[in-house]
C-alpha atoms as a PDB file:
ATOM      1  CA  MET A   1     132.816 123.714  83.706  1.00  0.00           C
ATOM      2  CA  GLN A   2     132.381 120.391  82.099  1.00  0.00           C
ATOM      3  CA  ASN A   3     128.919 119.366  81.630  1.00  0.00           C
ATOM      4  CA  PHE A   4     127.068 117.324  83.816  1.00  0.00           C
ATOM      5  CA  ALA A   5     127.200 114.042  81.901  1.00  0.00           C
ATOM      6  CA  GLU A   6     131.060 114.416  81.903  1.00  0.00           C
ATOM      7  CA  PHE A   7     131.221 115.075  85.482  1.00  0.00           C
ATOM      8  CA  LEU A   8     128.894 112.158  86.359  1.00  0.00           C
ATOM      9  CA  ASN A   9     131.265 109.521  84.331  1.00  0.00           C
ATOM     10  CA  GLU A  10     134.351 110.764  86.052  1.00  0.00           C
ATOM     11  CA  ILE A  11     132.953 110.259  89.707  1.00  0.00           C
ATOM     12  CA  THR A  12     133.429 106.598  89.561  1.00  0.00           C
ATOM     13  CA  THR A  13     136.248 104.360  87.743  1.00  0.00           C
ATOM     14  CA  GLY A  14     134.345 100.988  87.488  1.00  0.00           C
ATOM     15  CA  PHE A  15     131.314  98.999  88.362  1.00  0.00           C
ATOM     16  CA  THR A  16     129.412 100.886  91.245  1.00  0.00           C
ATOM     17  CA  PRO A  17     126.196  98.949  92.510  1.00  0.00           C
ATOM     18  CA  VAL A  18     122.875 100.131  93.534  1.00  0.00           C
ATOM     19  CA  ILE A  19     121.618  96.761  94.298  1.00  0.00           C
ATOM     20  CA  GLY A  20     123.074  95.089  97.643  1.00  0.00           C
ATOM     21  CA  GLY A  21     124.058  91.551  98.531  1.00  0.00           C
ATOM     22  CA  ASP A  22     125.969  89.144  96.338  1.00  0.00           C
ATOM     23  CA  TYR A  23     125.485  90.599  93.054  1.00  0.00           C
ATOM     24  CA  GLU A  24     128.510  90.903  90.906  1.00  0.00           C
ATOM     25  CA  HIS A  25     129.089  92.611  87.747  1.00  0.00           C
ATOM     26  CA  ARG A  26     128.944  89.349  85.587  1.00  0.00           C
ATOM     27  CA  ASP A  27     125.476  88.781  87.011  1.00  0.00           C
ATOM     28  CA  TYR A  28     124.051  91.484  84.854  1.00  0.00           C
ATOM     29  CA  ALA A  29     122.336  91.209  81.579  1.00  0.00           C
ATOM     30  CA  TYR A  30     121.227  93.922  79.302  1.00  0.00           C
ATOM     31  CA  ILE A  31     117.673  93.750  78.224  1.00  0.00           C
ATOM     32  CA  ASP A  32     115.826  95.908  75.491  1.00  0.00           C
ATOM     33  CA  LEU A  33     112.337  96.765  76.495  1.00  0.00           C
ATOM     34  CA  SER A  34     111.574  99.210  73.732  1.00  0.00           C
ATOM     35  CA  GLU A  35     108.806  98.991  71.098  1.00  0.00           C
ATOM     36  CA  ASN A  36     111.723  97.383  68.894  1.00  0.00           C
ATOM     37  CA  ASN A  37     111.492  94.175  71.080  1.00  0.00           C
ATOM     38  CA  ARG A  38     108.977  91.930  69.094  1.00  0.00           C
ATOM     39  CA  ASP A  39     109.028  89.830  71.864  1.00  0.00           C
ATOM     40  CA  LEU A  40     106.968  92.070  73.774  1.00  0.00           C
ATOM     41  CA  LEU A  41     104.088  91.681  71.455  1.00  0.00           C
ATOM     42  CA  LYS A  42     103.437  88.247  72.739  1.00  0.00           C
ATOM     43  CA  LEU A  43     103.283  89.515  76.171  1.00  0.00           C
ATOM     44  CA  GLU A  44     100.336  90.771  78.391  1.00  0.00           C
ATOM     45  CA  VAL A  45     102.323  93.846  79.227  1.00  0.00           C
ATOM     46  CA  ALA A  46      99.318  95.111  81.508  1.00  0.00           C
ATOM     47  CA  SER A  47     100.080  92.155  83.678  1.00  0.00           C
ATOM     48  CA  SER A  48     102.614  92.452  86.268  1.00  0.00           C
ATOM     49  CA  GLU A  49     102.725  88.878  86.686  1.00  0.00           C
ATOM     50  CA  ALA A  50     103.251  87.841  83.134  1.00  0.00           C
ATOM     51  CA  PHE A  51     106.017  90.602  83.045  1.00  0.00           C
ATOM     52  CA  SER A  52     107.764  88.960  85.977  1.00  0.00           C
ATOM     53  CA  VAL A  53     107.772  85.495  84.297  1.00  0.00           C
ATOM     54  CA  PHE A  54     109.164  87.022  80.945  1.00  0.00           C
ATOM     55  CA  ILE A  55     112.029  88.511  82.819  1.00  0.00           C
ATOM     56  CA  ASP A  56     112.853  85.457  85.030  1.00  0.00           C
ATOM     57  CA  GLU A  57     112.747  83.443  81.787  1.00  0.00           C
ATOM     58  CA  TYR A  58     115.210  86.210  79.843  1.00  0.00           C
ATOM     59  CA  LEU A  59     117.619  85.821  82.894  1.00  0.00           C
ATOM     60  CA  LYS A  60     117.443  82.055  82.880  1.00  0.00           C
ATOM     61  CA  ASN A  61     118.505  81.935  79.337  1.00  0.00           C
ATOM     62  CA  ARG A  62     121.491  83.945  79.649  1.00  0.00           C
ATOM     63  CA  ASN A  63     122.548  82.596  83.064  1.00  0.00           C
ATOM     64  CA  SER A  64     122.181  86.112  84.805  1.00  0.00           C
ATOM     65  CA  ARG A  65     120.481  87.254  87.812  1.00  0.00           C
ATOM     66  CA  ALA A  66     119.802  90.957  87.002  1.00  0.00           C
ATOM     67  CA  ALA A  67     118.626  92.547  84.005  1.00  0.00           C
ATOM     68  CA  TYR A  68     119.278  96.179  83.256  1.00  0.00           C
ATOM     69  CA  GLY A  69     118.485  99.347  80.516  1.00  0.00           C
ATOM     70  CA  GLY A  70     116.015 101.668  79.579  1.00  0.00           C
ATOM     71  CA  TYR A  71     117.587 104.824  79.141  1.00  0.00           C
ATOM     72  CA  ASN A  72     116.201 107.095  76.562  1.00  0.00           C
ATOM     73  CA  GLU A  73     113.941 104.015  75.562  1.00  0.00           C
ATOM     74  CA  LEU A  74     110.847 104.507  73.805  1.00  0.00           C
ATOM     75  CA  ARG A  75     108.278 102.137  75.328  1.00  0.00           C
ATOM     76  CA  THR A  76     104.652 100.842  74.542  1.00  0.00           C
ATOM     77  CA  LEU A  77     104.629  99.564  78.228  1.00  0.00           C
ATOM     78  CA  TYR A  78     103.143 102.723  79.493  1.00  0.00           C
ATOM     79  CA  ASN A  79     100.141 102.574  77.242  1.00  0.00           C
ATOM     80  CA  ARG A  80      98.086 100.606  80.025  1.00  0.00           C
ATOM     81  CA  SER A  81      98.073 103.721  82.653  1.00  0.00           C
ATOM     82  CA  GLU A  82      96.057 107.103  82.291  1.00  0.00           C
ATOM     83  CA  LEU A  83      99.197 108.647  84.040  1.00  0.00           C
ATOM     84  CA  PHE A  84     101.380 108.680  81.185  1.00  0.00           C
ATOM     85  CA  ASN A  85      98.807 108.113  78.434  1.00  0.00           C
ATOM     86  CA  ASN A  86      95.830 110.370  78.496  1.00  0.00           C
ATOM     87  CA  ALA A  87      94.404 113.584  76.408  1.00  0.00           C
ATOM     88  CA  ALA A  88      96.798 115.871  78.300  1.00  0.00           C
ATOM     89  CA  SER A  89     100.107 114.031  77.944  1.00  0.00           C
ATOM     90  CA  ASN A  90     101.453 110.793  75.905  1.00  0.00           C
ATOM     91  CA  ARG A  91     104.751 110.166  77.996  1.00  0.00           C
ATOM     92  CA  ASN A  92     106.565 107.274  76.783  1.00  0.00           C
ATOM     93  CA  ILE A  93     110.135 107.565  76.618  1.00  0.00           C
ATOM     94  CA  HIS A  94     112.016 106.242  79.631  1.00  0.00           C
ATOM     95  CA  ILE A  95     114.803 108.194  80.717  1.00  0.00           C
ATOM     96  CA  GLY A  96     116.023 106.434  83.986  1.00  0.00           C
ATOM     97  CA  LEU A  97     117.807 103.050  84.313  1.00  0.00           C
ATOM     98  CA  ASP A  98     115.850  99.991  85.294  1.00  0.00           C
ATOM     99  CA  ILE A  99     117.002  97.101  87.126  1.00  0.00           C
ATOM    100  CA  TRP A 100     114.845  94.029  87.059  1.00  0.00           C
ATOM    101  CA  VAL A 101     115.724  91.878  90.486  1.00  0.00           C
ATOM    102  CA  PRO A 102     113.287  90.105  93.200  1.00  0.00           C
ATOM    103  CA  ALA A 103     111.330  91.928  95.314  1.00  0.00           C
ATOM    104  CA  ASN A 104     112.866  92.396  98.999  1.00  0.00           C
ATOM    105  CA  SER A 105     116.234  93.225  97.210  1.00  0.00           C
ATOM    106  CA  VAL A 106     118.370  95.542  99.109  1.00  0.00           C
ATOM    107  CA  ILE A 107     119.012  98.967  97.510  1.00  0.00           C
ATOM    108  CA  ILE A 108     122.348 100.639  98.267  1.00  0.00           C
ATOM    109  CA  SER A 109     123.535 104.069  97.994  1.00  0.00           C
ATOM    110  CA  PRO A 110     126.280 104.320  95.335  1.00  0.00           C
ATOM    111  CA  LEU A 111     127.792 107.347  96.921  1.00  0.00           C
ATOM    112  CA  ASP A 112     127.902 109.269 100.120  1.00  0.00           C
ATOM    113  CA  GLY A 113     124.979 111.860 100.492  1.00  0.00           C
ATOM    114  CA  LYS A 114     121.875 112.513 102.477  1.00  0.00           C
ATOM    115  CA  ILE A 115     118.130 111.964 102.332  1.00  0.00           C
ATOM    116  CA  HIS A 116     116.648 114.728 100.172  1.00  0.00           C
ATOM    117  CA  SER A 117     112.853 113.734 100.173  1.00  0.00           C
ATOM    118  CA  PHE A 118     110.659 110.734  99.876  1.00  0.00           C
ATOM    119  CA  LYS A 119     107.103 109.828  99.047  1.00  0.00           C
ATOM    120  CA  ASP A 120     104.832 107.241  98.301  1.00  0.00           C
ATOM    121  CA  ASN A 121     103.698 108.184  94.582  1.00  0.00           C
ATOM    122  CA  SER A 122     100.758 105.649  94.857  1.00  0.00           C
ATOM    123  CA  ASN A 123      98.887 106.185  91.473  1.00  0.00           C
ATOM    124  CA  PHE A 124      98.615 103.115  89.236  1.00  0.00           C
ATOM    125  CA  GLY A 125     101.726 102.864  86.980  1.00  0.00           C
ATOM    126  CA  ASP A 126     103.879 105.516  88.959  1.00  0.00           C
ATOM    127  CA  TYR A 127     106.862 104.984  90.976  1.00  0.00           C
ATOM    128  CA  GLY A 128     105.308 103.571  94.285  1.00  0.00           C
ATOM    129  CA  PRO A 129     107.423 104.489  97.234  1.00  0.00           C
ATOM    130  CA  THR A 130     110.382 106.627  95.877  1.00  0.00           C
ATOM    131  CA  ILE A 131     113.429 108.171  97.687  1.00  0.00           C
ATOM    132  CA  ILE A 132     115.494 110.898  96.456  1.00  0.00           C
ATOM    133  CA  LEU A 133     119.092 111.199  97.711  1.00  0.00           C
ATOM    134  CA  GLU A 134     121.245 114.569  97.523  1.00  0.00           C
ATOM    135  CA  HIS A 135     124.999 114.387  96.519  1.00  0.00           C
ATOM    136  CA  THR A 136     127.502 116.872  96.791  1.00  0.00           C
ATOM    137  CA  LEU A 137     131.136 116.151  95.239  1.00  0.00           C
ATOM    138  CA  ASN A 138     133.836 118.463  94.110  1.00  0.00           C
ATOM    139  CA  GLY A 139     131.525 121.161  94.776  1.00  0.00           C
ATOM    140  CA  ARG A 140     128.571 120.117  92.600  1.00  0.00           C
ATOM    141  CA  THR A 141     125.166 119.054  93.961  1.00  0.00           C
ATOM    142  CA  PHE A 142     123.073 116.682  92.188  1.00  0.00           C
ATOM    143  CA  TYR A 143     120.360 113.857  93.013  1.00  0.00           C
ATOM    144  CA  THR A 144     119.742 110.145  92.630  1.00  0.00           C
ATOM    145  CA  LEU A 145     116.215 108.865  92.551  1.00  0.00           C
ATOM    146  CA  TYR A 146     115.318 105.316  93.863  1.00  0.00           C
ATOM    147  CA  GLY A 147     111.642 104.185  92.582  1.00  0.00           C
ATOM    148  CA  HIS A 148     109.501 101.249  93.254  1.00  0.00           C
ATOM    149  CA  LEU A 149     110.541 100.434  96.496  1.00  0.00           C
ATOM    150  CA  SER A 150     108.713  98.870  99.839  1.00  0.00           C
ATOM    151  CA  ARG A 151     106.404 100.674 101.581  1.00  0.00           C
ATOM    152  CA  ARG A 152     108.547  99.958 104.997  1.00  0.00           C
ATOM    153  CA  SER A 153     111.299 101.420 103.346  1.00  0.00           C
ATOM    154  CA  LEU A 154     110.030 104.994 104.288  1.00  0.00           C
ATOM    155  CA  THR A 155     109.150 103.838 107.549  1.00  0.00           C
ATOM    156  CA  TYR A 156     111.914 105.491 109.479  1.00  0.00           C
ATOM    157  CA  LEU A 157     113.441 107.800 106.898  1.00  0.00           C
ATOM    158  CA  GLU A 158     114.356 111.417 107.971  1.00  0.00           C
ATOM    159  CA  VAL A 159     114.962 114.425 105.685  1.00  0.00           C
ATOM    160  CA  GLY A 160     118.875 115.263 105.757  1.00  0.00           C
ATOM    161  CA  LYS A 161     119.982 111.731 107.153  1.00  0.00           C
ATOM    162  CA  GLU A 162     123.519 111.344 105.910  1.00  0.00           C
ATOM    163  CA  VAL A 163     124.193 108.052 103.971  1.00  0.00           C
ATOM    164  CA  SER A 164     127.408 106.408 103.232  1.00  0.00           C
ATOM    165  CA  ALA A 165     128.358 104.642  99.895  1.00  0.00           C
ATOM    166  CA  GLY A 166     127.434 101.116  99.903  1.00  0.00           C
ATOM    167  CA  GLU A 167     124.930 101.841 102.784  1.00  0.00           C
ATOM    168  CA  LYS A 168     121.637 100.103 102.347  1.00  0.00           C
ATOM    169  CA  ILE A 169     118.606 102.774 102.131  1.00  0.00           C
ATOM    170  CA  ALA A 170     115.566 100.361 101.083  1.00  0.00           C
ATOM    171  CA  GLU A 171     113.943  97.338  99.635  1.00  0.00           C
ATOM    172  CA  LEU A 172     112.529  96.595  96.376  1.00  0.00           C
ATOM    173  CA  GLY A 173     108.599  96.497  96.506  1.00  0.00           C
ATOM    174  CA  ASP A 174     106.541  94.076  94.658  1.00  0.00           C
ATOM    175  CA  PHE A 175     103.722  94.776  92.455  1.00  0.00           C
ATOM    176  CA  SER A 176     101.140  95.351  95.346  1.00  0.00           C
ATOM    177  CA  GLU A 177     102.851  98.277  96.422  1.00  0.00           C
ATOM    178  CA  ASN A 178     105.245  99.425  93.626  1.00  0.00           C
ATOM    179  CA  GLY A 179     102.925 100.845  91.013  1.00  0.00           C
ATOM    180  CA  ASP A 180     101.892  97.342  89.880  1.00  0.00           C
ATOM    181  CA  TYR A 181     105.052  96.321  87.966  1.00  0.00           C
ATOM    182  CA  ALA A 182     107.402  93.447  88.114  1.00  0.00           C
ATOM    183  CA  PRO A 183     109.914  93.961  90.916  1.00  0.00           C
ATOM    184  CA  HIS A 184     112.698  96.327  89.397  1.00  0.00           C
ATOM    185  CA  LEU A 185     114.346  99.233  90.394  1.00  0.00           C
ATOM    186  CA  HIS A 186     113.969 102.403  88.769  1.00  0.00           C
ATOM    187  CA  PHE A 187     117.314 104.474  89.268  1.00  0.00           C
ATOM    188  CA  GLN A 188     117.740 108.142  87.845  1.00  0.00           C
ATOM    189  CA  VAL A 189     120.500 110.826  88.070  1.00  0.00           C
ATOM    190  CA  ILE A 190     119.243 114.337  88.030  1.00  0.00           C
ATOM    191  CA  GLU A 191     121.026 117.592  88.049  1.00  0.00           C
ATOM    192  CA  ASP A 192     118.099 119.984  88.809  1.00  0.00           C
ATOM    193  CA  LEU A 193     114.896 118.529  90.753  1.00  0.00           C
ATOM    194  CA  GLN A 194     113.009 122.000  89.610  1.00  0.00           C
ATOM    195  CA  GLY A 195     111.590 122.021  93.245  1.00  0.00           C
ATOM    196  CA  ARG A 196     110.204 118.691  93.284  1.00  0.00           C
ATOM    197  CA  ILE A 197     109.839 116.678  96.194  1.00  0.00           C
ATOM    198  CA  GLY A 198     109.739 112.836  96.337  1.00  0.00           C
ATOM    199  CA  ASP A 199     109.080 112.732  92.797  1.00  0.00           C
ATOM    200  CA  PHE A 200     110.436 113.634  89.376  1.00  0.00           C
ATOM    201  CA  PRO A 201     109.663 112.706  85.743  1.00  0.00           C
ATOM    202  CA  GLY A 202     111.215 109.375  84.854  1.00  0.00           C
ATOM    203  CA  VAL A 203     108.970 108.957  81.397  1.00  0.00           C
ATOM    204  CA  VAL A 204     108.539 112.013  79.403  1.00  0.00           C
ATOM    205  CA  LYS A 205     107.285 113.253  75.816  1.00  0.00           C
ATOM    206  CA  ARG A 206     109.295 113.572  72.894  1.00  0.00           C
ATOM    207  CA  GLU A 207     108.786 117.118  72.517  1.00  0.00           C
ATOM    208  CA  ASP A 208     110.445 117.584  76.368  1.00  0.00           C
ATOM    209  CA  LEU A 209     112.995 114.852  75.895  1.00  0.00           C
ATOM    210  CA  GLU A 210     115.888 116.887  74.977  1.00  0.00           C
ATOM    211  CA  SER A 211     115.717 119.176  77.752  1.00  0.00           C
ATOM    212  CA  TYR A 212     115.544 116.090  80.265  1.00  0.00           C
ATOM    213  CA  LEU A 213     118.259 114.494  78.704  1.00  0.00           C
ATOM    214  CA  GLU A 214     120.359 116.994  79.525  1.00  0.00           C
ATOM    215  CA  ILE A 215     119.651 117.369  83.343  1.00  0.00           C
ATOM    216  CA  CYS A 216     119.084 113.305  83.594  1.00  0.00           C
ATOM    217  CA  PRO A 217     122.187 111.715  81.767  1.00  0.00           C
ATOM    218  CA  ASP A 218     122.587 108.122  81.479  1.00  0.00           C
ATOM    219  CA  PRO A 219     122.685 106.536  84.837  1.00  0.00           C
ATOM    220  CA  ASN A 220     124.989 103.880  83.772  1.00  0.00           C
ATOM    221  CA  LEU A 221     127.695 106.742  83.144  1.00  0.00           C
ATOM    222  CA  LEU A 222     128.030 106.431  87.027  1.00  0.00           C
ATOM    223  CA  LEU A 223     126.999 102.830  87.445  1.00  0.00           C
ATOM    224  CA  LYS A 224     129.242 101.382  84.563  1.00  0.00           C
ATOM    225  CA  ILE A 225     127.495  98.169  84.729  1.00  0.00           C
END
């Protein structure tokens, strides 16, 4: 049996969006938010508003509308939250793909599937409202996670409800409801949820990284941005 990353890469043959509306492939610009980005040293990263301005300027300078990146990225951004940085845990490696677009942007499913679970992970620095979809293709079941959504996105959801590729599933939240971040989608592909409901680690410790990367390969293998 091929490994999960190879399987994921073969599902799609070209650009497969999770942001709805009139966004085209050419509208996206890659952004590095790792500790190597020295521009972040000048930024008050604890301020979601300051970070929003930073993202807006980044996109303006590149004549782009959406920024993306962040898989397997070591970040200092999480030092502001005890959720990631405390005596018991120092999680700072991001294992999802972030797509930075405005609040209220429409989120669509990239594939046919069904709603597995949803939850408002409301801790400071957490996902905020989160949806997990379950997909079964070619006899193989896996999951996609969507974090930092609006609370109203969870209002009428039902576990088990089927969704089609390209169907709207949610809208992005703003900093007041999305864990206190500049608006963006955290998108993650997961082979094994390990029994979790409405949540799954998107930032991990270095000592746990290898095992998580195996079950959470690069989401861009699927999206091909």
